[in-house]
Amino acid sequence: MDLAATKLELAKRLLNTNDKNIINYLKAIFDTQENNWWENLPDEIKFSVEKGLKQSSKGETIPHAEMQKCYRKWLKK
């Protein structure tokens, strides 16, 4: 079945259903595709996030408590 025929078949099935779960599910799929926040990020941010994930998977992290000690002078109010 080609793309146009598949789209037509899906449109017919959607018009013939009253199942709110199916309609909400399809809406959520379309909304997710339209709001793909990762694709909208600048390349520099994507690179930074990916670099951080790689470092984390290698165990190259600093515990939160240790970082708090380093930045304590800025955290005091």
PDB file of N, CA and C in Angstrom:
ATOM      1  N   MET A   1       0.858  -1.175   0.000  1.00  0.00           N
ATOM      2  CA  MET A   1       0.000   0.000   0.000  1.00  0.00           C
ATOM      3  C   MET A   1       0.905   1.240   0.000  1.00  0.00           C
ATOM      4  N   ASP A   2       0.658   2.163  -0.905  1.00  0.00           N
ATOM      5  CA  ASP A   2       1.492   3.358  -0.966  1.00  0.00           C
ATOM      6  C   ASP A   2       1.060   4.367   0.103  1.00  0.00           C
ATOM      7  N   LEU A   3       1.841   5.405   0.256  1.00  0.00           N
ATOM      8  CA  LEU A   3       1.618   6.390   1.317  1.00  0.00           C
ATOM      9  C   LEU A   3       0.251   7.059   1.197  1.00  0.00           C
ATOM     10  N   ALA A   4      -0.127   7.464   0.001  1.00  0.00           N
ATOM     11  CA  ALA A   4      -1.412   8.146  -0.180  1.00  0.00           C
ATOM     12  C   ALA A   4      -2.576   7.237   0.201  1.00  0.00           C
ATOM     13  N   ALA A   5      -2.512   5.974  -0.182  1.00  0.00           N
ATOM     14  CA  ALA A   5      -3.574   5.031   0.150  1.00  0.00           C
ATOM     15  C   ALA A   5      -3.630   4.774   1.653  1.00  0.00           C
ATOM     16  N   THR A   6      -2.476   4.700   2.292  1.00  0.00           N
ATOM     17  CA  THR A   6      -2.424   4.491   3.745  1.00  0.00           C
ATOM     18  C   THR A   6      -3.033   5.688   4.466  1.00  0.00           C
ATOM     19  N   LYS A   7      -2.696   6.893   4.031  1.00  0.00           N
ATOM     20  CA  LYS A   7      -3.251   8.100   4.644  1.00  0.00           C
ATOM     21  C   LYS A   7      -4.762   8.141   4.491  1.00  0.00           C
ATOM     22  N   LEU A   8      -5.250   7.786   3.326  1.00  0.00           N
ATOM     23  CA  LEU A   8      -6.692   7.775   3.087  1.00  0.00           C
ATOM     24  C   LEU A   8      -7.389   6.749   3.976  1.00  0.00           C
ATOM     25  N   GLU A   9      -6.808   5.573   4.088  1.00  0.00           N
ATOM     26  CA  GLU A   9      -7.376   4.529   4.941  1.00  0.00           C
ATOM     27  C   GLU A   9      -7.409   4.973   6.404  1.00  0.00           C
ATOM     28  N   LEU A  10      -6.331   5.591   6.867  1.00  0.00           N
ATOM     29  CA  LEU A  10      -6.290   6.076   8.250  1.00  0.00           C
ATOM     30  C   LEU A  10      -7.310   7.186   8.479  1.00  0.00           C
ATOM     31  N   ALA A  11      -7.448   8.076   7.513  1.00  0.00           N
ATOM     32  CA  ALA A  11      -8.429   9.164   7.635  1.00  0.00           C
ATOM     33  C   ALA A  11      -9.832   8.597   7.743  1.00  0.00           C
ATOM     34  N   LYS A  12     -10.156   7.605   6.917  1.00  0.00           N
ATOM     35  CA  LYS A  12     -11.475   6.974   6.969  1.00  0.00           C
ATOM     36  C   LYS A  12     -11.713   6.334   8.332  1.00  0.00           C
ATOM     37  N   ARG A  13     -10.716   5.625   8.824  1.00  0.00           N
ATOM     38  CA  ARG A  13     -10.866   4.946  10.118  1.00  0.00           C
ATOM     39  C   ARG A  13     -11.029   5.961  11.248  1.00  0.00           C
ATOM     40  N   LEU A  14     -10.294   7.064  11.175  1.00  0.00           N
ATOM     41  CA  LEU A  14     -10.405   8.101  12.193  1.00  0.00           C
ATOM     42  C   LEU A  14     -11.794   8.735  12.169  1.00  0.00           C
ATOM     43  N   LEU A  15     -12.299   9.021  10.981  1.00  0.00           N
ATOM     44  CA  LEU A  15     -13.633   9.614  10.871  1.00  0.00           C
ATOM     45  C   LEU A  15     -14.732   8.677  11.361  1.00  0.00           C
ATOM     46  N   ASN A  16     -14.510   7.394  11.276  1.00  0.00           N
ATOM     47  CA  ASN A  16     -15.531   6.415  11.660  1.00  0.00           C
ATOM     48  C   ASN A  16     -15.455   5.981  13.120  1.00  0.00           C
ATOM     49  N   THR A  17     -14.454   6.441  13.854  1.00  0.00           N
ATOM     50  CA  THR A  17     -14.346   6.010  15.247  1.00  0.00           C
ATOM     51  C   THR A  17     -14.899   7.067  16.199  1.00  0.00           C
ATOM     52  N   ASN A  18     -15.442   6.588  17.284  1.00  0.00           N
ATOM     53  CA  ASN A  18     -15.877   7.461  18.379  1.00  0.00           C
ATOM     54  C   ASN A  18     -15.085   7.150  19.645  1.00  0.00           C
ATOM     55  N   ASP A  19     -14.043   6.348  19.492  1.00  0.00           N
ATOM     56  CA  ASP A  19     -13.209   5.943  20.629  1.00  0.00           C
ATOM     57  C   ASP A  19     -12.291   7.108  21.010  1.00  0.00           C
ATOM     58  N   LYS A  20     -12.595   7.737  22.144  1.00  0.00           N
ATOM     59  CA  LYS A  20     -11.824   8.899  22.586  1.00  0.00           C
ATOM     60  C   LYS A  20     -10.366   8.539  22.856  1.00  0.00           C
ATOM     61  N   ASN A  21     -10.115   7.307  23.311  1.00  0.00           N
ATOM     62  CA  ASN A  21      -8.739   6.900  23.591  1.00  0.00           C
ATOM     63  C   ASN A  21      -7.898   6.896  22.318  1.00  0.00           C
ATOM     64  N   ILE A  22      -8.464   6.390  21.239  1.00  0.00           N
ATOM     65  CA  ILE A  22      -7.737   6.371  19.964  1.00  0.00           C
ATOM     66  C   ILE A  22      -7.492   7.795  19.482  1.00  0.00           C
ATOM     67  N   ILE A  23      -8.512   8.627  19.553  1.00  0.00           N
ATOM     68  CA  ILE A  23      -8.379  10.018  19.102  1.00  0.00           C
ATOM     69  C   ILE A  23      -7.338  10.753  19.937  1.00  0.00           C
ATOM     70  N   ASN A  24      -7.386  10.595  21.250  1.00  0.00           N
ATOM     71  CA  ASN A  24      -6.402  11.254  22.124  1.00  0.00           C
ATOM     72  C   ASN A  24      -4.992  10.726  21.876  1.00  0.00           C
ATOM     73  N   TYR A  25      -4.892   9.430  21.623  1.00  0.00           N
ATOM     74  CA  TYR A  25      -3.585   8.830  21.354  1.00  0.00           C
ATOM     75  C   TYR A  25      -2.993   9.406  20.072  1.00  0.00           C
ATOM     76  N   LEU A  26      -3.791   9.469  19.022  1.00  0.00           N
ATOM     77  CA  LEU A  26      -3.305  10.027  17.755  1.00  0.00           C
ATOM     78  C   LEU A  26      -2.954  11.504  17.899  1.00  0.00           C
ATOM     79  N   LYS A  27      -3.756  12.238  18.646  1.00  0.00           N
ATOM     80  CA  LYS A  27      -3.457  13.656  18.888  1.00  0.00           C
ATOM     81  C   LYS A  27      -2.127  13.804  19.612  1.00  0.00           C
ATOM     82  N   ALA A  28      -1.895  12.961  20.609  1.00  0.00           N
ATOM     83  CA  ALA A  28      -0.640  13.012  21.361  1.00  0.00           C
ATOM     84  C   ALA A  28       0.550  12.720  20.455  1.00  0.00           C
ATOM     85  N   ILE A  29       0.389  11.783  19.541  1.00  0.00           N
ATOM     86  CA  ILE A  29       1.476  11.472  18.605  1.00  0.00           C
ATOM     87  C   ILE A  29       1.788  12.693  17.747  1.00  0.00           C
ATOM     88  N   PHE A  30       0.751  13.311  17.190  1.00  0.00           N
ATOM     89  CA  PHE A  30       0.971  14.503  16.363  1.00  0.00           C
ATOM     90  C   PHE A  30       1.565  15.644  17.173  1.00  0.00           C
ATOM     91  N   ASP A  31       1.070  15.861  18.394  1.00  0.00           N
ATOM     92  CA  ASP A  31       1.599  16.930  19.242  1.00  0.00           C
ATOM     93  C   ASP A  31       3.062  16.699  19.564  1.00  0.00           C
ATOM     94  N   THR A  32       3.431  15.453  19.828  1.00  0.00           N
ATOM     95  CA  THR A  32       4.818  15.120  20.140  1.00  0.00           C
ATOM     96  C   THR A  32       5.717  15.402  18.946  1.00  0.00           C
ATOM     97  N   GLN A  33       5.246  15.051  17.769  1.00  0.00           N
ATOM     98  CA  GLN A  33       6.033  15.289  16.563  1.00  0.00           C
ATOM     99  C   GLN A  33       6.218  16.778  16.317  1.00  0.00           C
ATOM    100  N   GLU A  34       5.187  17.565  16.578  1.00  0.00           N
ATOM    101  CA  GLU A  34       5.255  19.005  16.348  1.00  0.00           C
ATOM    102  C   GLU A  34       6.114  19.698  17.394  1.00  0.00           C
ATOM    103  N   ASN A  35       6.191  19.128  18.575  1.00  0.00           N
ATOM    104  CA  ASN A  35       6.926  19.759  19.669  1.00  0.00           C
ATOM    105  C   ASN A  35       8.192  18.987  20.003  1.00  0.00           C
ATOM    106  N   ASN A  36       8.925  18.583  18.987  1.00  0.00           N
ATOM    107  CA  ASN A  36      10.158  17.845  19.214  1.00  0.00           C
ATOM    108  C   ASN A  36      11.224  18.832  19.691  1.00  0.00           C
ATOM    109  N   TRP A  37      11.269  19.040  20.997  1.00  0.00           N
ATOM    110  CA  TRP A  37      12.123  20.072  21.572  1.00  0.00           C
ATOM    111  C   TRP A  37      13.599  19.818  21.296  1.00  0.00           C
ATOM    112  N   TRP A  38      14.004  18.562  21.218  1.00  0.00           N
ATOM    113  CA  TRP A  38      15.420  18.264  20.979  1.00  0.00           C
ATOM    114  C   TRP A  38      15.863  18.807  19.626  1.00  0.00           C
ATOM    115  N   GLU A  39      15.057  18.610  18.613  1.00  0.00           N
ATOM    116  CA  GLU A  39      15.404  19.070  17.270  1.00  0.00           C
ATOM    117  C   GLU A  39      15.465  20.588  17.188  1.00  0.00           C
ATOM    118  N   ASN A  40      14.772  21.269  18.091  1.00  0.00           N
ATOM    119  CA  ASN A  40      14.748  22.731  18.074  1.00  0.00           C
ATOM    120  C   ASN A  40      15.903  23.355  18.851  1.00  0.00           C
ATOM    121  N   LEU A  41      16.683  22.533  19.548  1.00  0.00           N
ATOM    122  CA  LEU A  41      17.815  23.061  20.309  1.00  0.00           C
ATOM    123  C   LEU A  41      18.969  23.432  19.381  1.00  0.00           C
ATOM    124  N   PRO A  42      19.729  24.452  19.746  1.00  0.00           N
ATOM    125  CA  PRO A  42      20.928  24.780  18.958  1.00  0.00           C
ATOM    126  C   PRO A  42      21.940  23.629  19.027  1.00  0.00           C
ATOM    127  N   ASP A  43      22.742  23.487  17.986  1.00  0.00           N
ATOM    128  CA  ASP A  43      23.727  22.397  17.929  1.00  0.00           C
ATOM    129  C   ASP A  43      24.689  22.432  19.103  1.00  0.00           C
ATOM    130  N   GLU A  44      25.046  23.627  19.576  1.00  0.00           N
ATOM    131  CA  GLU A  44      25.986  23.747  20.703  1.00  0.00           C
ATOM    132  C   GLU A  44      25.399  23.112  21.969  1.00  0.00           C
ATOM    133  N   ILE A  45      24.114  23.306  22.180  1.00  0.00           N
ATOM    134  CA  ILE A  45      23.456  22.739  23.359  1.00  0.00           C
ATOM    135  C   ILE A  45      23.377  21.219  23.235  1.00  0.00           C
ATOM    136  N   LYS A  46      23.006  20.733  22.051  1.00  0.00           N
ATOM    137  CA  LYS A  46      22.951  19.282  21.828  1.00  0.00           C
ATOM    138  C   LYS A  46      24.311  18.655  22.088  1.00  0.00           C
ATOM    139  N   PHE A  47      25.367  19.280  21.570  1.00  0.00           N
ATOM    140  CA  PHE A  47      26.720  18.766  21.767  1.00  0.00           C
ATOM    141  C   PHE A  47      27.065  18.714  23.249  1.00  0.00           C
ATOM    142  N   SER A  48      26.720  19.775  23.973  1.00  0.00           N
ATOM    143  CA  SER A  48      27.028  19.840  25.400  1.00  0.00           C
ATOM    144  C   SER A  48      26.294  18.756  26.179  1.00  0.00           C
ATOM    145  N   VAL A  49      25.029  18.548  25.875  1.00  0.00           N
ATOM    146  CA  VAL A  49      24.248  17.517  26.556  1.00  0.00           C
ATOM    147  C   VAL A  49      24.816  16.137  26.248  1.00  0.00           C
ATOM    148  N   GLU A  50      25.111  15.871  24.984  1.00  0.00           N
ATOM    149  CA  GLU A  50      25.664  14.568  24.601  1.00  0.00           C
ATOM    150  C   GLU A  50      27.020  14.331  25.257  1.00  0.00           C
ATOM    151  N   LYS A  51      27.829  15.374  25.343  1.00  0.00           N
ATOM    152  CA  LYS A  51      29.138  15.264  26.001  1.00  0.00           C
ATOM    153  C   LYS A  51      28.953  14.923  27.480  1.00  0.00           C
ATOM    154  N   GLY A  52      28.005  15.586  28.134  1.00  0.00           N
ATOM    155  CA  GLY A  52      27.731  15.316  29.542  1.00  0.00           C
ATOM    156  C   GLY A  52      27.229  13.902  29.772  1.00  0.00           C
ATOM    157  N   LEU A  53      26.393  13.409  28.879  1.00  0.00           N
ATOM    158  CA  LEU A  53      25.896  12.043  29.012  1.00  0.00           C
ATOM    159  C   LEU A  53      27.021  11.027  28.848  1.00  0.00           C
ATOM    160  N   LYS A  54      27.932  11.284  27.912  1.00  0.00           N
ATOM    161  CA  LYS A  54      29.078  10.389  27.722  1.00  0.00           C
ATOM    162  C   LYS A  54      29.968  10.392  28.961  1.00  0.00           C
ATOM    163  N   GLN A  55      30.225  11.577  29.509  1.00  0.00           N
ATOM    164  CA  GLN A  55      31.048  11.671  30.715  1.00  0.00           C
ATOM    165  C   GLN A  55      30.389  10.929  31.874  1.00  0.00           C
ATOM    166  N   SER A  56      29.090  11.084  31.996  1.00  0.00           N
ATOM    167  CA  SER A  56      28.365  10.416  33.077  1.00  0.00           C
ATOM    168  C   SER A  56      28.444   8.901  32.940  1.00  0.00           C
ATOM    169  N   SER A  57      28.292   8.408  31.712  1.00  0.00           N
ATOM    170  CA  SER A  57      28.340   6.955  31.513  1.00  0.00           C
ATOM    171  C   SER A  57      29.727   6.388  31.798  1.00  0.00           C
ATOM    172  N   LYS A  58      30.771   7.228  31.693  1.00  0.00           N
ATOM    173  CA  LYS A  58      32.134   6.800  32.013  1.00  0.00           C
ATOM    174  C   LYS A  58      32.456   6.981  33.497  1.00  0.00           C
ATOM    175  N   GLY A  59      31.494   7.509  34.253  1.00  0.00           N
ATOM    176  CA  GLY A  59      31.731   7.734  35.683  1.00  0.00           C
ATOM    177  C   GLY A  59      32.486   9.010  35.959  1.00  0.00           C
ATOM    178  N   GLU A  60      32.597   9.868  34.989  1.00  0.00           N
ATOM    179  CA  GLU A  60      33.327  11.133  35.142  1.00  0.00           C
ATOM    180  C   GLU A  60      32.384  12.204  35.692  1.00  0.00           C
ATOM    181  N   THR A  61      31.966  12.016  36.930  1.00  0.00           N
ATOM    182  CA  THR A  61      31.038  12.945  37.556  1.00  0.00           C
ATOM    183  C   THR A  61      31.578  13.405  38.895  1.00  0.00           C
ATOM    184  N   ILE A  62      30.987  14.471  39.405  1.00  0.00           N
ATOM    185  CA  ILE A  62      31.330  14.990  40.729  1.00  0.00           C
ATOM    186  C   ILE A  62      30.041  14.967  41.540  1.00  0.00           C
ATOM    187  N   PRO A  63      30.078  14.375  42.739  1.00  0.00           N
ATOM    188  CA  PRO A  63      28.871  14.321  43.560  1.00  0.00           C
ATOM    189  C   PRO A  63      28.333  15.724  43.871  1.00  0.00           C
ATOM    190  N   HIS A  64      27.024  15.808  43.969  1.00  0.00           N
ATOM    191  CA  HIS A  64      26.356  17.083  44.217  1.00  0.00           C
ATOM    192  C   HIS A  64      26.883  17.764  45.485  1.00  0.00           C
ATOM    193  N   ALA A  65      27.054  16.987  46.549  1.00  0.00           N
ATOM    194  CA  ALA A  65      27.532  17.548  47.822  1.00  0.00           C
ATOM    195  C   ALA A  65      28.915  18.171  47.657  1.00  0.00           C
ATOM    196  N   GLU A  66      29.762  17.545  46.861  1.00  0.00           N
ATOM    197  CA  GLU A  66      31.105  18.082  46.626  1.00  0.00           C
ATOM    198  C   GLU A  66      31.036  19.400  45.849  1.00  0.00           C
ATOM    199  N   MET A  67      30.154  19.469  44.885  1.00  0.00           N
ATOM    200  CA  MET A  67      29.999  20.705  44.122  1.00  0.00           C
ATOM    201  C   MET A  67      29.452  21.823  45.001  1.00  0.00           C
ATOM    202  N   GLN A  68      28.570  21.472  45.918  1.00  0.00           N
ATOM    203  CA  GLN A  68      28.034  22.482  46.835  1.00  0.00           C
ATOM    204  C   GLN A  68      29.157  23.090  47.665  1.00  0.00           C
ATOM    205  N   LYS A  69      30.112  22.263  48.092  1.00  0.00           N
ATOM    206  CA  LYS A  69      31.248  22.779  48.859  1.00  0.00           C
ATOM    207  C   LYS A  69      32.054  23.762  48.031  1.00  0.00           C
ATOM    208  N   CYS A  70      32.259  23.457  46.763  1.00  0.00           N
ATOM    209  CA  CYS A  70      33.036  24.336  45.881  1.00  0.00           C
ATOM    210  C   CYS A  70      32.357  25.689  45.679  1.00  0.00           C
ATOM    211  N   TYR A  71      31.041  25.676  45.645  1.00  0.00           N
ATOM    212  CA  TYR A  71      30.299  26.897  45.347  1.00  0.00           C
ATOM    213  C   TYR A  71      29.580  27.482  46.551  1.00  0.00           C
ATOM    214  N   ARG A  72      29.966  27.035  47.740  1.00  0.00           N
ATOM    215  CA  ARG A  72      29.283  27.474  48.961  1.00  0.00           C
ATOM    216  C   ARG A  72      29.262  28.995  49.113  1.00  0.00           C
ATOM    217  N   LYS A  73      30.341  29.657  48.755  1.00  0.00           N
ATOM    218  CA  LYS A  73      30.397  31.113  48.927  1.00  0.00           C
ATOM    219  C   LYS A  73      29.341  31.820  48.067  1.00  0.00           C
ATOM    220  N   TRP A  74      28.947  31.223  46.945  1.00  0.00           N
ATOM    221  CA  TRP A  74      27.927  31.829  46.095  1.00  0.00           C
ATOM    222  C   TRP A  74      26.522  31.406  46.515  1.00  0.00           C
ATOM    223  N   LEU A  75      26.440  30.293  47.249  1.00  0.00           N
ATOM    224  CA  LEU A  75      25.148  29.777  47.655  1.00  0.00           C
ATOM    225  C   LEU A  75      24.637  30.445  48.923  1.00  0.00           C
ATOM    226  N   LYS A  76      25.540  31.059  49.699  1.00  0.00           N
ATOM    227  CA  LYS A  76      25.117  31.717  50.944  1.00  0.00           C
ATOM    228  C   LYS A  76      24.323  32.961  50.628  1.00  0.00           C
ATOM    229  N   LYS A  77      23.288  33.160  51.437  1.00  0.00           N
ATOM    230  CA  LYS A  77      22.462  34.363  51.265  1.00  0.00           C
ATOM    231  C   LYS A  77      22.385  35.119  52.548  1.00  0.00           C
TER     232      LYS A  77
END
